[in-house]
PDB file of N, CA and C in Angstrom:
ATOM      1  N   MET A   1     113.278 142.968  46.866  1.00  0.00           N
ATOM      2  CA  MET A   1     114.482 142.300  46.424  1.00  0.00           C
ATOM      3  C   MET A   1     115.163 141.571  47.549  1.00  0.00           C
ATOM      4  N   ASP A   2     115.419 140.303  47.207  1.00  0.00           N
ATOM      5  CA  ASP A   2     116.066 139.542  48.314  1.00  0.00           C
ATOM      6  C   ASP A   2     117.552 139.983  48.563  1.00  0.00           C
ATOM      7  N   ILE A   3     118.066 139.736  49.707  1.00  0.00           N
ATOM      8  CA  ILE A   3     119.282 140.244  50.108  1.00  0.00           C
ATOM      9  C   ILE A   3     120.504 139.809  49.269  1.00  0.00           C
ATOM     10  N   PHE A   4     120.577 138.590  48.745  1.00  0.00           N
ATOM     11  CA  PHE A   4     121.622 138.270  47.954  1.00  0.00           C
ATOM     12  C   PHE A   4     121.700 139.098  46.646  1.00  0.00           C
ATOM     13  N   ARG A   5     120.569 139.277  46.036  1.00  0.00           N
ATOM     14  CA  ARG A   5     120.498 139.974  44.728  1.00  0.00           C
ATOM     15  C   ARG A   5     121.034 141.427  44.961  1.00  0.00           C
ATOM     16  N   LYS A   6     120.502 141.946  46.147  1.00  0.00           N
ATOM     17  CA  LYS A   6     120.859 143.403  46.456  1.00  0.00           C
ATOM     18  C   LYS A   6     122.309 143.518  46.692  1.00  0.00           C
ATOM     19  N   ARG A   7     122.846 142.634  47.519  1.00  0.00           N
ATOM     20  CA  ARG A   7     124.275 142.709  47.914  1.00  0.00           C
ATOM     21  C   ARG A   7     125.258 142.438  46.776  1.00  0.00           C
ATOM     22  N   LEU A   8     124.815 141.509  45.929  1.00  0.00           N
ATOM     23  CA  LEU A   8     125.685 141.243  44.630  1.00  0.00           C
ATOM     24  C   LEU A   8     125.784 142.496  43.771  1.00  0.00           C
ATOM     25  N   ARG A   9     124.604 143.123  43.674  1.00  0.00           N
ATOM     26  CA  ARG A   9     124.569 144.290  42.761  1.00  0.00           C
ATOM     27  C   ARG A   9     125.270 145.441  43.462  1.00  0.00           C
ATOM     28  N   GLU A  10     125.165 145.653  44.685  1.00  0.00           N
ATOM     29  CA  GLU A  10     125.809 146.725  45.400  1.00  0.00           C
ATOM     30  C   GLU A  10     127.326 146.527  45.282  1.00  0.00           C
ATOM     31  N   LEU A  11     127.802 145.253  45.556  1.00  0.00           N
ATOM     32  CA  LEU A  11     129.270 145.040  45.564  1.00  0.00           C
ATOM     33  C   LEU A  11     129.794 145.336  44.164  1.00  0.00           C
ATOM     34  N   ARG A  12     129.020 144.928  43.184  1.00  0.00           N
ATOM     35  CA  ARG A  12     129.494 145.154  41.801  1.00  0.00           C
ATOM     36  C   ARG A  12     129.495 146.572  41.446  1.00  0.00           C
ATOM     37  N   PHE A  13     128.560 147.311  41.876  1.00  0.00           N
ATOM     38  CA  PHE A  13     128.565 148.735  41.508  1.00  0.00           C
ATOM     39  C   PHE A  13     129.690 149.500  42.347  1.00  0.00           C
ATOM     40  N   GLU A  14     129.811 149.125  43.662  1.00  0.00           N
ATOM     41  CA  GLU A  14     130.973 149.735  44.384  1.00  0.00           C
ATOM     42  C   GLU A  14     132.346 149.555  43.734  1.00  0.00           C
ATOM     43  N   ARG A  15     132.511 148.531  43.029  1.00  0.00           N
ATOM     44  CA  ARG A  15     133.798 148.304  42.338  1.00  0.00           C
ATOM     45  C   ARG A  15     133.776 148.681  40.873  1.00  0.00           C
ATOM     46  N   ASP A  16     132.627 149.331  40.445  1.00  0.00           N
ATOM     47  CA  ASP A  16     132.478 149.788  39.063  1.00  0.00           C
ATOM     48  C   ASP A  16     132.709 148.640  38.083  1.00  0.00           C
ATOM     49  N   LEU A  17     132.044 147.486  38.371  1.00  0.00           N
ATOM     50  CA  LEU A  17     132.176 146.375  37.486  1.00  0.00           C
ATOM     51  C   LEU A  17     130.876 146.080  36.750  1.00  0.00           C
ATOM     52  N   LYS A  18     130.963 145.592  35.541  1.00  0.00           N
ATOM     53  CA  LYS A  18     129.785 145.116  34.755  1.00  0.00           C
ATOM     54  C   LYS A  18     129.554 143.822  35.034  1.00  0.00           C
ATOM     55  N   GLN A  19     128.342 143.295  34.692  1.00  0.00           N
ATOM     56  CA  GLN A  19     127.959 141.898  34.812  1.00  0.00           C
ATOM     57  C   GLN A  19     128.920 141.040  34.021  1.00  0.00           C
ATOM     58  N   THR A  20     129.356 141.483  32.874  1.00  0.00           N
ATOM     59  CA  THR A  20     130.314 140.766  32.095  1.00  0.00           C
ATOM     60  C   THR A  20     131.605 140.505  32.803  1.00  0.00           C
ATOM     61  N   ASP A  21     132.018 141.488  33.535  1.00  0.00           N
ATOM     62  CA  ASP A  21     133.336 141.369  34.292  1.00  0.00           C
ATOM     63  C   ASP A  21     133.208 140.297  35.337  1.00  0.00           C
ATOM     64  N   ILE A  22     132.126 140.213  36.032  1.00  0.00           N
ATOM     65  CA  ILE A  22     131.985 139.195  36.997  1.00  0.00           C
ATOM     66  C   ILE A  22     131.819 137.862  36.327  1.00  0.00           C
ATOM     67  N   ALA A  23     131.104 137.806  35.186  1.00  0.00           N
ATOM     68  CA  ALA A  23     130.937 136.494  34.432  1.00  0.00           C
ATOM     69  C   ALA A  23     132.294 135.945  34.062  1.00  0.00           C
ATOM     70  N   LYS A  24     133.221 136.793  33.671  1.00  0.00           N
ATOM     71  CA  LYS A  24     134.555 136.306  33.297  1.00  0.00           C
ATOM     72  C   LYS A  24     135.331 135.659  34.442  1.00  0.00           C
ATOM     73  N   VAL A  25     135.233 136.411  35.564  1.00  0.00           N
ATOM     74  CA  VAL A  25     135.895 135.962  36.800  1.00  0.00           C
ATOM     75  C   VAL A  25     135.342 134.692  37.278  1.00  0.00           C
ATOM     76  N   MET A  26     134.013 134.538  37.114  1.00  0.00           N
ATOM     77  CA  MET A  26     133.303 133.313  37.648  1.00  0.00           C
ATOM     78  C   MET A  26     133.313 132.194  36.595  1.00  0.00           C
ATOM     79  N   ASN A  27     133.757 132.543  35.372  1.00  0.00           N
ATOM     80  CA  ASN A  27     133.709 131.523  34.329  1.00  0.00           C
ATOM     81  C   ASN A  27     132.306 131.056  34.062  1.00  0.00           C
ATOM     82  N   VAL A  28     131.391 132.015  34.012  1.00  0.00           N
ATOM     83  CA  VAL A  28     130.073 131.580  33.550  1.00  0.00           C
ATOM     84  C   VAL A  28     129.637 132.666  32.428  1.00  0.00           C
ATOM     85  N   VAL A  29     128.495 132.296  31.820  1.00  0.00           N
ATOM     86  CA  VAL A  29     128.108 133.306  30.813  1.00  0.00           C
ATOM     87  C   VAL A  29     127.422 134.543  31.389  1.00  0.00           C
ATOM     88  N   PHE A  30     127.434 135.558  30.745  1.00  0.00           N
ATOM     89  CA  PHE A  30     126.840 136.861  31.187  1.00  0.00           C
ATOM     90  C   PHE A  30     125.444 136.660  31.757  1.00  0.00           C
ATOM     91  N   GLY A  31     124.536 135.886  31.088  1.00  0.00           N
ATOM     92  CA  GLY A  31     123.177 135.795  31.501  1.00  0.00           C
ATOM     93  C   GLY A  31     123.099 135.188  32.841  1.00  0.00           C
ATOM     94  N   THR A  32     124.088 134.419  33.346  1.00  0.00           N
ATOM     95  CA  THR A  32     124.074 133.842  34.689  1.00  0.00           C
ATOM     96  C   THR A  32     124.061 134.896  35.670  1.00  0.00           C
ATOM     97  N   ILE A  33     124.949 135.870  35.610  1.00  0.00           N
ATOM     98  CA  ILE A  33     124.992 137.024  36.567  1.00  0.00           C
ATOM     99  C   ILE A  33     123.732 137.790  36.491  1.00  0.00           C
ATOM    100  N   SER A  34     123.246 138.074  35.335  1.00  0.00           N
ATOM    101  CA  SER A  34     122.091 138.797  35.163  1.00  0.00           C
ATOM    102  C   SER A  34     120.923 138.081  35.864  1.00  0.00           C
ATOM    103  N   ASN A  35     120.821 136.730  35.668  1.00  0.00           N
ATOM    104  CA  ASN A  35     119.703 136.025  36.388  1.00  0.00           C
ATOM    105  C   ASN A  35     119.880 135.976  37.862  1.00  0.00           C
ATOM    106  N   TRP A  36     121.105 135.979  38.393  1.00  0.00           N
ATOM    107  CA  TRP A  36     121.350 135.980  39.834  1.00  0.00           C
ATOM    108  C   TRP A  36     120.749 137.412  40.394  1.00  0.00           C
ATOM    109  N   GLU A  37     121.176 138.465  39.691  1.00  0.00           N
ATOM    110  CA  GLU A  37     120.670 139.783  40.142  1.00  0.00           C
ATOM    111  C   GLU A  37     119.154 140.042  39.941  1.00  0.00           C
ATOM    112  N   ARG A  38     118.645 139.300  39.075  1.00  0.00           N
ATOM    113  CA  ARG A  38     117.105 139.421  38.861  1.00  0.00           C
ATOM    114  C   ARG A  38     116.354 138.367  39.716  1.00  0.00           C
ATOM    115  N   GLY A  39     117.041 137.542  40.402  1.00  0.00           N
ATOM    116  CA  GLY A  39     116.431 136.517  41.303  1.00  0.00           C
ATOM    117  C   GLY A  39     115.882 135.331  40.395  1.00  0.00           C
ATOM    118  N   LEU A  40     116.299 135.152  39.237  1.00  0.00           N
ATOM    119  CA  LEU A  40     115.765 134.075  38.450  1.00  0.00           C
ATOM    120  C   LEU A  40     116.442 132.767  38.751  1.00  0.00           C
ATOM    121  N   SER A  41     117.665 132.892  39.214  1.00  0.00           N
ATOM    122  CA  SER A  41     118.422 131.733  39.649  1.00  0.00           C
ATOM    123  C   SER A  41     119.402 132.085  40.740  1.00  0.00           C
ATOM    124  N   SER A  42     120.090 131.099  41.362  1.00  0.00           N
ATOM    125  CA  SER A  42     121.028 131.361  42.417  1.00  0.00           C
ATOM    126  C   SER A  42     122.275 130.629  42.179  1.00  0.00           C
ATOM    127  N   PRO A  43     123.372 131.116  42.692  1.00  0.00           N
ATOM    128  CA  PRO A  43     124.658 130.419  42.545  1.00  0.00           C
ATOM    129  C   PRO A  43     124.611 129.177  43.314  1.00  0.00           C
ATOM    130  N   ASN A  44     125.414 128.199  42.844  1.00  0.00           N
ATOM    131  CA  ASN A  44     125.557 126.926  43.635  1.00  0.00           C
ATOM    132  C   ASN A  44     126.671 127.223  44.725  1.00  0.00           C
ATOM    133  N   ILE A  45     126.895 126.301  45.714  1.00  0.00           N
ATOM    134  CA  ILE A  45     127.738 126.492  46.755  1.00  0.00           C
ATOM    135  C   ILE A  45     129.229 126.956  46.282  1.00  0.00           C
ATOM    136  N   GLU A  46     129.744 126.293  45.275  1.00  0.00           N
ATOM    137  CA  GLU A  46     131.001 126.665  44.796  1.00  0.00           C
ATOM    138  C   GLU A  46     131.052 128.034  44.220  1.00  0.00           C
ATOM    139  N   GLU A  47     130.044 128.447  43.488  1.00  0.00           N
ATOM    140  CA  GLU A  47     129.992 129.742  42.868  1.00  0.00           C
ATOM    141  C   GLU A  47     129.829 130.805  43.988  1.00  0.00           C
ATOM    142  N   LEU A  48     129.097 130.457  45.059  1.00  0.00           N
ATOM    143  CA  LEU A  48     128.917 131.441  46.185  1.00  0.00           C
ATOM    144  C   LEU A  48     130.298 131.597  46.847  1.00  0.00           C
ATOM    145  N   LYS A  49     131.071 130.629  47.062  1.00  0.00           N
ATOM    146  CA  LYS A  49     132.344 130.708  47.636  1.00  0.00           C
ATOM    147  C   LYS A  49     133.276 131.615  46.776  1.00  0.00           C
ATOM    148  N   ARG A  50     133.245 131.265  45.440  1.00  0.00           N
ATOM    149  CA  ARG A  50     134.073 132.180  44.549  1.00  0.00           C
ATOM    150  C   ARG A  50     133.693 133.595  44.518  1.00  0.00           C
ATOM    151  N   LEU A  51     132.417 133.877  44.552  1.00  0.00           N
ATOM    152  CA  LEU A  51     131.909 135.259  44.668  1.00  0.00           C
ATOM    153  C   LEU A  51     132.386 135.910  45.958  1.00  0.00           C
ATOM    154  N   ALA A  52     132.249 135.228  47.109  1.00  0.00           N
ATOM    155  CA  ALA A  52     132.741 135.748  48.435  1.00  0.00           C
ATOM    156  C   ALA A  52     134.241 136.045  48.307  1.00  0.00           C
ATOM    157  N   ASP A  53     134.953 135.134  47.799  1.00  0.00           N
ATOM    158  CA  ASP A  53     136.428 135.270  47.685  1.00  0.00           C
ATOM    159  C   ASP A  53     136.736 136.476  46.836  1.00  0.00           C
ATOM    160  N   PHE A  54     136.025 136.636  45.677  1.00  0.00           N
ATOM    161  CA  PHE A  54     136.354 137.694  44.709  1.00  0.00           C
ATOM    162  C   PHE A  54     136.021 139.066  45.338  1.00  0.00           C
ATOM    163  N   PHE A  55     134.936 139.129  46.089  1.00  0.00           N
ATOM    164  CA  PHE A  55     134.516 140.467  46.644  1.00  0.00           C
ATOM    165  C   PHE A  55     135.200 140.609  48.012  1.00  0.00           C
ATOM    166  N   ASP A  56     135.902 139.577  48.514  1.00  0.00           N
ATOM    167  CA  ASP A  56     136.542 139.636  49.801  1.00  0.00           C
ATOM    168  C   ASP A  56     135.487 139.864  50.892  1.00  0.00           C
ATOM    169  N   VAL A  57     134.383 139.172  50.846  1.00  0.00           N
ATOM    170  CA  VAL A  57     133.352 139.177  51.830  1.00  0.00           C
ATOM    171  C   VAL A  57     133.058 137.850  52.305  1.00  0.00           C
ATOM    172  N   SER A  58     132.255 137.649  53.321  1.00  0.00           N
ATOM    173  CA  SER A  58     131.863 136.209  53.677  1.00  0.00           C
ATOM    174  C   SER A  58     130.653 135.861  52.913  1.00  0.00           C
ATOM    175  N   ALA A  59     130.569 134.464  52.762  1.00  0.00           N
ATOM    176  CA  ALA A  59     129.313 134.000  52.055  1.00  0.00           C
ATOM    177  C   ALA A  59     128.061 134.274  52.959  1.00  0.00           C
ATOM    178  N   ASP A  60     128.228 134.389  54.277  1.00  0.00           N
ATOM    179  CA  ASP A  60     127.161 134.826  55.175  1.00  0.00           C
ATOM    180  C   ASP A  60     126.763 136.271  54.901  1.00  0.00           C
ATOM    181  N   TYR A  61     127.680 137.102  54.544  1.00  0.00           N
ATOM    182  CA  TYR A  61     127.279 138.451  54.162  1.00  0.00           C
ATOM    183  C   TYR A  61     126.480 138.468  52.857  1.00  0.00           C
ATOM    184  N   LEU A  62     126.958 137.716  51.856  1.00  0.00           N
ATOM    185  CA  LEU A  62     126.151 137.646  50.637  1.00  0.00           C
ATOM    186  C   LEU A  62     124.766 137.129  50.861  1.00  0.00           C
ATOM    187  N   LEU A  63     124.632 136.213  51.680  1.00  0.00           N
ATOM    188  CA  LEU A  63     123.308 135.561  51.995  1.00  0.00           C
ATOM    189  C   LEU A  63     122.469 136.361  52.986  1.00  0.00           C
ATOM    190  N   GLY A  64     123.019 137.460  53.568  1.00  0.00           N
ATOM    191  CA  GLY A  64     122.249 138.235  54.511  1.00  0.00           C
ATOM    192  C   GLY A  64     122.157 137.657  55.906  1.00  0.00           C
ATOM    193  N   ARG A  65     123.064 136.733  56.226  1.00  0.00           N
ATOM    194  CA  ARG A  65     123.096 136.139  57.553  1.00  0.00           C
ATOM    195  C   ARG A  65     123.860 137.078  58.537  1.00  0.00           C
ATOM    196  N   THR A  66     124.666 138.041  58.001  1.00  0.00           N
ATOM    197  CA  THR A  66     125.331 139.098  58.784  1.00  0.00           C
ATOM    198  C   THR A  66     125.472 140.309  58.024  1.00  0.00           C
ATOM    199  N   ASP A  67     125.670 141.356  58.666  1.00  0.00           N
ATOM    200  CA  ASP A  67     125.900 142.654  58.065  1.00  0.00           C
ATOM    201  C   ASP A  67     127.356 142.977  57.990  1.00  0.00           C
ATOM    202  N   ASN A  68     128.203 142.167  58.557  1.00  0.00           N
ATOM    203  CA  ASN A  68     129.637 142.374  58.568  1.00  0.00           C
ATOM    204  C   ASN A  68     130.213 141.641  57.364  1.00  0.00           C
ATOM    205  N   TYR A  69     131.070 142.341  56.654  1.00  0.00           N
ATOM    206  CA  TYR A  69     131.836 141.775  55.507  1.00  0.00           C
ATOM    207  C   TYR A  69     132.511 140.410  55.911  1.00  0.00           C
TER     208      TYR A  69
END
């Protein structure tokens, strides 16, 4: 499992959120979050920034470039 998929899923579980919860915040359809977590697609730059802001982590953390939030 690539690091982005793993970290997105972990952050979601840590906050007891469903994929639909994230989809609403991100203003995307449910399937988009599912596809990100399954590695079938990836967020664009703006979506990555919104995810990082929402989870209060860095984009580098989501991408596996650092282990620091």
